[in-house]
Amino acid sequence: MKLLIDFSFYIREGWANFTRSRMLSIFSILIISVSIAIITLFSTVFFNVDTYLKGMENNPVYSIFLTPDTSAKEGKDLALYLETLKGVSNVKLVLPDEGMKKLAKRFPLAGEIQSSIEENPLPISIRLRINTTAVASVKQVLKPYSIVESIYSPHFFLSQLKSLSSAVSFFIALIAVILILASIFTIYNVIRITILARQNDIAIMQLVGADMKYIRAPFTIEGTLQGLFGGILGALFGSGLISVIRAHYLAHFQYLPFLSRITSLPLSYFAGIILLSITMGLFGSTLAASRIDYV
C-alpha cells in the first residue's frame, strides 16, 4: 500500500513539474520528437530493404535468355516444360516486344533508344522462380537445349545489395546513436534547469527530513513524460513523412520499383521506438536527478 502511495506521489509531483516548466518541456519534446522522427524514417527504410532482400534470397527470380533465332513456339514449349519441373514456379515467357515495353517503362531512356533503331535487340526470355534446392538440377536439365543462350542468376546483384545494405545500416546506426545521445543530453539539461529553479523547494524538503528518493523521483518522472510524449509525436510525424514521400516521390521512382511499395513499420516496431524514447527520458532525467545533493 505504501509503495502505491509513494508512486502516486511521484507521478503527481512529476506531472506538476512537467506542467510548471511548460516551455522547457515543449522544447525538450520537440528535440526528442525530431530525433525519433528521423529514427522512424531510417528504421522504415531499413525494415523494407531488409524485407525485400530476404524475399529475393528466399524466392529469387531467374531469367533464361534464348538465342536470337529462337521462335516464339520454341520458347513457349520450353516454358511449358519448365512448369513441370519440381521446385520451379511462376514461369512466364517474355517476348521481345513485351520485354522492351517493360524496359522502357522502368528506364525511359531505353524507350528513346528503341524508337531510334529498326529492330528490337532483345531476345525471347523466360522468367521463373527456382527453389534454391532445385537450381543445380534445373541448370543440368537446360544444358542440352541449344536455344538457351544464358541464365541470369540474381545472386550477384543480391550480394551487391547486401553489401550496400550493410554499409547503409552502419551509417543509420551511427546517426541513431548520435540522435539518442543528443536527446539524452537535452533531457538532462532541461531537468537540471528545472532542478536549479526549484533549489529553494528542494532545500525546504531536505530540512523537513524528506528522503532523497522523494526529491529525485518526480524529476525522473518529468523526464520520462518528456520521452513518452516526444516518442509518440516523433513516431507519428515520421510515419506521416513516410506516407507523404511514398505518395509524392517514391510512387514515380521507376528505377527501383520496390521503393514504391514501401510499407509502414509494424506496430511492434513503433512500440519499440516509443519505448526507446521513454528510456532516453528516464536515463537523462535519472542522471540529472542523481546530481541533487544534500544542502
Protein backbone atom coordinates (compact mmCIF):
# COMPACT_ATOMS: atom_id res chain seq x y z
CA MET A 1 0.00 0.00 0.00
CA LYS A 2 2.84 2.37 0.90
CA LEU A 3 4.52 1.64 -2.43
CA LEU A 4 1.32 2.62 -4.27
CA ILE A 5 1.01 5.84 -2.27
CA ASP A 6 4.66 6.70 -2.94
CA PHE A 7 4.30 6.01 -6.66
CA SER A 8 1.15 8.13 -6.80
CA PHE A 9 3.09 10.98 -5.17
CA TYR A 10 5.93 10.64 -7.70
CA ILE A 11 3.52 10.74 -10.63
CA ARG A 12 1.59 13.71 -9.24
CA GLU A 13 4.71 15.73 -8.50
CA GLY A 14 6.35 14.71 -11.77
CA TRP A 15 3.31 15.90 -13.71
CA ALA A 16 3.31 19.14 -11.69
CA ASN A 17 6.96 19.71 -12.62
CA PHE A 18 6.16 18.91 -16.24
CA THR A 19 3.32 21.46 -16.44
CA ARG A 20 5.14 24.04 -14.32
CA SER A 21 8.12 24.13 -16.71
CA ARG A 22 5.89 24.15 -19.77
CA MET A 23 8.20 25.94 -22.21
CA LEU A 24 11.21 23.83 -21.27
CA SER A 25 9.11 20.67 -21.55
CA ILE A 26 7.86 21.67 -25.01
CA PHE A 27 11.43 22.42 -26.12
CA SER A 28 12.61 19.03 -24.88
CA ILE A 29 9.66 17.21 -26.50
CA LEU A 30 10.33 18.91 -29.84
CA ILE A 31 14.01 17.90 -29.79
CA ILE A 32 13.09 14.32 -28.90
CA SER A 33 10.30 14.16 -31.49
CA VAL A 34 12.65 15.31 -34.28
CA SER A 35 15.18 12.66 -33.27
CA ILE A 36 12.52 9.94 -33.06
CA ALA A 37 11.01 11.02 -36.41
CA ILE A 38 14.41 10.62 -38.10
CA ILE A 39 14.95 7.26 -36.39
CA THR A 40 11.46 6.17 -37.53
CA LEU A 41 12.26 7.26 -41.09
CA PHE A 42 15.55 5.36 -41.16
CA SER A 43 14.00 2.32 -39.45
CA THR A 44 11.25 2.18 -42.08
CA VAL A 45 13.78 2.24 -44.91
CA PHE A 46 15.92 -0.42 -43.22
CA PHE A 47 12.90 -2.64 -42.49
CA ASN A 48 11.66 -2.51 -46.08
CA VAL A 49 15.08 -3.06 -47.65
CA ASP A 50 15.70 -6.00 -45.31
CA THR A 51 12.29 -7.50 -46.16
CA TYR A 52 12.96 -7.04 -49.88
CA LEU A 53 16.39 -8.70 -49.66
CA LYS A 54 15.02 -11.63 -47.67
CA GLY A 55 12.28 -12.07 -50.27
CA MET A 56 14.85 -12.08 -53.07
CA GLU A 57 17.06 -14.51 -51.18
CA ASN A 58 14.28 -16.94 -50.28
CA ASN A 59 12.44 -16.75 -53.59
CA PRO A 60 14.82 -15.44 -56.30
CA VAL A 61 13.68 -14.69 -59.86
CA TYR A 62 15.84 -16.15 -62.64
CA SER A 63 15.84 -15.17 -66.31
CA ILE A 64 16.66 -17.61 -69.11
CA PHE A 65 17.71 -15.77 -72.27
CA LEU A 66 17.21 -17.65 -75.53
CA THR A 67 19.21 -17.32 -78.75
CA PRO A 68 18.16 -14.61 -81.26
CA ASP A 69 16.93 -17.17 -83.81
CA THR A 70 14.59 -18.90 -81.32
CA SER A 71 10.95 -18.87 -82.40
CA ALA A 72 8.07 -17.94 -80.12
CA LYS A 73 6.79 -21.55 -80.33
CA GLU A 74 10.13 -22.97 -79.18
CA GLY A 75 10.19 -20.53 -76.30
CA LYS A 76 6.63 -21.42 -75.34
CA ASP A 77 7.37 -25.17 -75.46
CA LEU A 78 10.39 -24.71 -73.19
CA ALA A 79 8.35 -22.59 -70.76
CA LEU A 80 5.64 -25.27 -70.61
CA TYR A 81 8.29 -27.91 -69.92
CA LEU A 82 9.86 -25.85 -67.15
CA GLU A 83 6.49 -25.61 -65.43
CA THR A 84 6.55 -29.39 -64.94
CA LEU A 85 9.88 -29.38 -63.09
CA LYS A 86 9.99 -29.74 -59.33
CA GLY A 87 10.99 -26.58 -57.48
CA VAL A 88 10.04 -24.29 -60.39
CA SER A 89 7.14 -21.81 -60.21
CA ASN A 90 5.80 -18.58 -61.74
CA VAL A 91 7.12 -19.41 -65.21
CA LYS A 92 6.48 -16.58 -67.70
CA LEU A 93 7.51 -16.31 -71.34
CA VAL A 94 8.59 -12.76 -72.22
CA LEU A 95 8.61 -11.94 -75.94
CA PRO A 96 10.94 -9.19 -77.25
CA ASP A 97 8.18 -6.58 -77.68
CA GLU A 98 6.86 -7.17 -74.17
CA GLY A 99 10.39 -7.09 -72.76
CA MET A 100 11.11 -3.77 -74.46
CA LYS A 101 7.88 -2.26 -73.13
CA LYS A 102 8.81 -3.27 -69.58
CA LEU A 103 12.34 -1.96 -70.03
CA ALA A 104 11.09 1.35 -71.45
CA LYS A 105 8.63 1.71 -68.58
CA ARG A 106 11.36 1.23 -65.99
CA PHE A 107 14.08 3.10 -67.88
CA PRO A 108 12.62 5.84 -70.15
CA LEU A 109 15.99 6.25 -71.89
CA ALA A 110 15.73 2.67 -73.18
CA GLY A 111 12.42 3.56 -74.83
CA GLU A 112 14.03 6.53 -76.58
CA ILE A 113 16.88 4.35 -77.85
CA GLN A 114 14.45 1.68 -79.08
CA SER A 115 12.48 4.25 -81.10
CA SER A 116 15.66 5.19 -82.95
CA ILE A 117 16.52 1.65 -84.11
CA GLU A 118 14.66 -0.53 -86.58
CA GLU A 119 14.84 -3.94 -84.89
CA ASN A 120 14.22 -4.93 -81.28
CA PRO A 121 17.58 -6.16 -79.92
CA LEU A 122 16.05 -8.07 -77.01
CA PRO A 123 15.84 -11.87 -77.20
CA ILE A 124 12.98 -14.07 -76.04
CA SER A 125 13.37 -14.77 -72.35
CA ILE A 126 11.72 -16.86 -69.66
CA ARG A 127 11.29 -15.52 -66.14
CA LEU A 128 10.80 -18.04 -63.36
CA ARG A 129 11.29 -18.68 -59.68
CA ILE A 130 13.51 -21.60 -58.73
CA ASN A 131 13.75 -23.05 -55.25
CA THR A 132 17.34 -22.86 -54.00
CA THR A 133 17.49 -26.67 -53.70
CA ALA A 134 16.44 -27.11 -57.34
CA VAL A 135 18.79 -24.62 -59.04
CA ALA A 136 21.51 -27.16 -59.87
CA SER A 137 19.07 -29.72 -61.29
CA VAL A 138 17.28 -27.11 -63.44
CA LYS A 139 20.59 -25.90 -64.90
CA GLN A 140 21.50 -29.50 -65.65
CA VAL A 141 18.18 -30.06 -67.44
CA LEU A 142 18.74 -26.95 -69.61
CA LYS A 143 22.24 -27.93 -70.77
CA PRO A 144 21.07 -29.97 -73.83
CA TYR A 145 18.92 -27.08 -75.10
CA SER A 146 20.85 -25.24 -77.81
CA ILE A 147 18.30 -22.41 -77.78
CA VAL A 148 19.36 -21.44 -74.24
CA GLU A 149 21.99 -18.73 -74.55
CA SER A 150 22.44 -17.75 -70.89
CA ILE A 151 20.85 -17.97 -67.46
CA TYR A 152 20.75 -14.85 -65.32
CA SER A 153 21.11 -15.50 -61.60
CA PRO A 154 20.14 -12.72 -59.17
CA HIS A 155 22.72 -13.79 -56.59
CA PHE A 156 25.46 -11.40 -57.74
CA PHE A 157 23.01 -8.48 -57.69
CA LEU A 158 21.76 -9.70 -54.30
CA SER A 159 25.28 -9.85 -52.85
CA GLN A 160 25.95 -6.29 -54.05
CA LEU A 161 22.71 -5.09 -52.48
CA LYS A 162 23.59 -6.84 -49.22
CA SER A 163 26.98 -5.13 -49.13
CA LEU A 164 25.33 -1.77 -49.77
CA SER A 165 22.67 -2.54 -47.16
CA SER A 166 25.34 -3.35 -44.55
CA ALA A 167 27.11 -0.05 -45.20
CA VAL A 168 23.83 1.89 -45.04
CA SER A 169 22.83 0.03 -41.84
CA PHE A 170 26.10 1.05 -40.17
CA PHE A 171 25.52 4.68 -41.21
CA ILE A 172 21.92 4.56 -39.91
CA ALA A 173 23.07 3.04 -36.60
CA LEU A 174 25.70 5.77 -36.23
CA ILE A 175 23.15 8.53 -36.88
CA ALA A 176 20.70 6.88 -34.46
CA VAL A 177 23.33 6.76 -31.69
CA ILE A 178 24.14 10.46 -32.22
CA LEU A 179 20.43 11.38 -32.10
CA ILE A 180 19.87 9.29 -28.97
CA LEU A 181 22.83 10.89 -27.19
CA ALA A 182 21.66 14.37 -28.27
CA SER A 183 18.16 13.66 -26.89
CA ILE A 184 19.53 12.34 -23.59
CA PHE A 185 21.77 15.41 -23.31
CA THR A 186 18.76 17.68 -23.96
CA ILE A 187 16.61 15.96 -21.33
CA TYR A 188 19.49 16.03 -18.85
CA ASN A 189 19.96 19.78 -19.26
CA VAL A 190 16.24 20.57 -19.16
CA ILE A 191 15.84 18.63 -15.91
CA ARG A 192 18.98 20.28 -14.48
CA ILE A 193 17.48 23.72 -15.23
CA THR A 194 14.23 22.65 -13.55
CA ILE A 195 16.17 21.44 -10.51
CA LEU A 196 18.07 24.72 -10.26
CA ALA A 197 14.79 26.64 -10.49
CA ARG A 198 13.44 24.63 -7.54
CA GLN A 199 16.50 24.79 -5.31
CA ASN A 200 14.59 26.53 -2.51
CA ASP A 201 11.82 23.90 -2.55
CA ILE A 202 14.42 21.12 -2.52
CA ALA A 203 16.22 22.74 0.44
CA ILE A 204 12.96 23.00 2.40
CA MET A 205 12.12 19.33 1.70
CA GLN A 206 15.57 18.33 2.96
CA LEU A 207 15.16 20.44 6.11
CA VAL A 208 11.88 18.72 7.00
CA GLY A 209 13.59 15.34 6.58
CA ALA A 210 12.33 14.21 3.16
CA ASP A 211 14.09 11.14 1.83
CA MET A 212 16.27 11.79 -1.24
CA LYS A 213 14.19 9.44 -3.39
CA TYR A 214 11.10 11.61 -2.73
CA ILE A 215 13.04 14.60 -4.02
CA ARG A 216 14.64 12.92 -7.05
CA ALA A 217 11.80 10.69 -8.28
CA PRO A 218 9.44 13.48 -9.50
CA PHE A 219 12.21 14.87 -11.71
CA THR A 220 12.78 11.39 -13.12
CA ILE A 221 9.06 11.12 -13.87
CA GLU A 222 9.16 14.55 -15.55
CA GLY A 223 11.93 13.43 -17.92
CA THR A 224 10.16 10.14 -18.59
CA LEU A 225 7.00 12.03 -19.57
CA GLN A 226 9.03 14.17 -21.95
CA GLY A 227 10.42 11.00 -23.51
CA LEU A 228 6.94 9.46 -23.79
CA PHE A 229 5.28 12.46 -25.46
CA GLY A 230 8.31 13.13 -27.66
CA GLY A 231 8.35 9.49 -28.75
CA ILE A 232 4.66 9.40 -29.65
CA LEU A 233 4.84 12.72 -31.52
CA GLY A 234 8.05 11.71 -33.33
CA ALA A 235 6.73 8.28 -34.34
CA LEU A 236 3.53 9.82 -35.74
CA PHE A 237 5.45 12.54 -37.59
CA GLY A 238 7.95 10.03 -39.01
CA SER A 239 5.16 7.73 -40.17
CA GLY A 240 3.31 10.63 -41.79
CA LEU A 241 6.50 11.75 -43.52
CA ILE A 242 6.97 8.25 -44.96
CA SER A 243 3.40 8.32 -46.33
CA VAL A 244 3.97 11.71 -47.99
CA ILE A 245 7.32 10.67 -49.51
CA ARG A 246 5.83 7.40 -50.78
CA ALA A 247 2.79 9.09 -52.34
CA HIS A 248 4.56 12.05 -53.96
CA TYR A 249 8.03 10.76 -54.79
CA LEU A 250 8.60 7.01 -54.48
CA ALA A 251 5.41 6.13 -56.39
CA HIS A 252 7.06 7.58 -59.51
CA PHE A 253 10.54 6.20 -58.86
CA GLN A 254 10.94 3.99 -61.92
CA TYR A 255 14.48 2.75 -61.47
CA LEU A 256 13.86 0.86 -58.22
CA PRO A 257 10.17 -0.16 -58.33
CA PHE A 258 10.24 -1.84 -54.90
CA LEU A 259 10.62 1.64 -53.34
CA SER A 260 7.06 2.48 -54.44
CA ARG A 261 5.86 -0.46 -52.32
CA ILE A 262 7.44 0.73 -49.08
CA THR A 263 5.15 -0.02 -46.14
CA SER A 264 4.90 1.50 -42.69
CA LEU A 265 6.56 -0.20 -39.76
CA PRO A 266 4.62 -2.90 -37.87
CA LEU A 267 3.06 -1.80 -34.59
CA SER A 268 5.67 -3.77 -32.64
CA TYR A 269 8.39 -1.58 -34.17
CA PHE A 270 6.51 1.60 -33.25
CA ALA A 271 6.13 0.28 -29.70
CA GLY A 272 9.88 -0.36 -29.60
CA ILE A 273 10.68 3.15 -30.86
CA ILE A 274 8.40 4.76 -28.26
CA LEU A 275 9.93 2.53 -25.57
CA LEU A 276 13.36 3.72 -26.71
CA SER A 277 12.20 7.33 -26.33
CA ILE A 278 10.85 6.63 -22.83
CA THR A 279 14.17 5.02 -21.91
CA MET A 280 16.03 8.10 -23.16
CA GLY A 281 13.83 10.30 -20.97
CA LEU A 282 14.27 8.01 -17.98
CA PHE A 283 18.04 7.80 -18.36
CA GLY A 284 18.60 11.52 -18.95
CA SER A 285 16.38 12.61 -16.07
CA THR A 286 17.77 9.98 -13.67
CA LEU A 287 21.27 11.21 -14.48
CA ALA A 288 20.22 14.81 -13.80
CA ALA A 289 18.30 13.94 -10.62
CA SER A 290 21.26 11.98 -9.25
CA ARG A 291 23.18 15.28 -9.16
CA ILE A 292 20.85 16.59 -6.43
CA ASP A 293 22.82 16.51 -3.20
CA TYR A 294 22.17 17.39 0.41
CA VAL A 295 22.40 21.07 1.21
